[in-house]
């Protein structure tokens, strides 16, 4: 039981560290506004798909 709690704590700590480091990393040059260049494709679940903008405007 104690091993499961320790494992969960270690995994949570690793996740928190990776999350923090990911948000601290600067956006690469040329990728600041990827949504502006997207005209849409068949993958409608993508966050950059223009159909999401239409739903927000309603």
Protein backbone atom coordinates (compact mmCIF):
# COMPACT_ATOMS: atom_id res chain seq x y z
CA UNK A 1 0.00 0.00 0.00
CA UNK A 2 2.76 2.45 0.89
CA UNK A 3 4.51 1.67 -2.40
CA UNK A 4 1.41 2.63 -4.35
CA UNK A 5 1.17 5.97 -2.53
CA UNK A 6 4.87 6.68 -3.12
CA UNK A 7 4.60 5.72 -6.78
CA UNK A 8 1.57 7.99 -7.21
CA UNK A 9 3.42 10.86 -5.49
CA UNK A 10 6.51 10.40 -7.68
CA UNK A 11 4.42 10.25 -10.87
CA UNK A 12 2.49 13.36 -9.81
CA UNK A 13 5.74 15.19 -9.09
CA UNK A 14 7.19 14.25 -12.47
CA UNK A 15 4.01 15.39 -14.19
CA UNK A 16 4.06 18.73 -12.33
CA UNK A 17 7.73 19.29 -13.20
CA UNK A 18 7.21 18.52 -16.90
CA UNK A 19 4.10 20.73 -16.97
CA UNK A 20 6.03 23.62 -15.40
CA UNK A 21 9.01 23.24 -17.74
CA UNK A 22 6.74 23.00 -20.80
CA UNK A 23 5.00 26.29 -19.98
CA UNK A 24 8.36 27.95 -19.24
CA UNK A 25 9.69 27.03 -22.71
CA UNK A 26 9.36 29.89 -25.23
CA UNK A 27 7.26 29.39 -28.36
CA UNK A 28 9.49 28.73 -31.41
CA UNK A 29 9.85 31.55 -33.92
CA UNK A 30 7.20 31.32 -36.61
CA UNK A 31 4.75 29.36 -34.44
CA UNK A 32 3.33 32.26 -32.45
CA UNK A 33 0.01 32.29 -34.31
CA UNK A 34 -0.52 28.93 -35.99
CA UNK A 35 -4.29 29.46 -36.05
CA UNK A 36 -4.06 32.36 -38.51
CA UNK A 37 -2.59 30.12 -41.24
CA UNK A 38 -5.01 27.22 -40.79
CA UNK A 39 -7.72 26.99 -43.44
CA UNK A 40 -9.13 23.72 -42.17
CA UNK A 41 -8.90 20.07 -43.09
CA UNK A 42 -10.85 16.90 -42.39
CA UNK A 43 -9.64 16.70 -38.78
CA UNK A 44 -12.35 18.71 -37.06
CA UNK A 45 -11.22 17.77 -33.56
CA UNK A 46 -8.05 19.85 -33.99
CA UNK A 47 -8.01 23.00 -31.85
CA UNK A 48 -6.86 25.08 -34.85
CA UNK A 49 -9.81 24.08 -37.07
CA UNK A 50 -11.82 27.15 -38.16
CA UNK A 51 -15.15 25.49 -37.29
CA UNK A 52 -14.36 26.08 -33.61
CA UNK A 53 -14.26 29.83 -34.24
CA UNK A 54 -17.75 29.74 -35.75
CA UNK A 55 -19.16 28.01 -32.69
CA UNK A 56 -17.61 30.62 -30.36
CA UNK A 57 -19.11 33.56 -32.27
CA UNK A 58 -22.72 32.35 -31.91
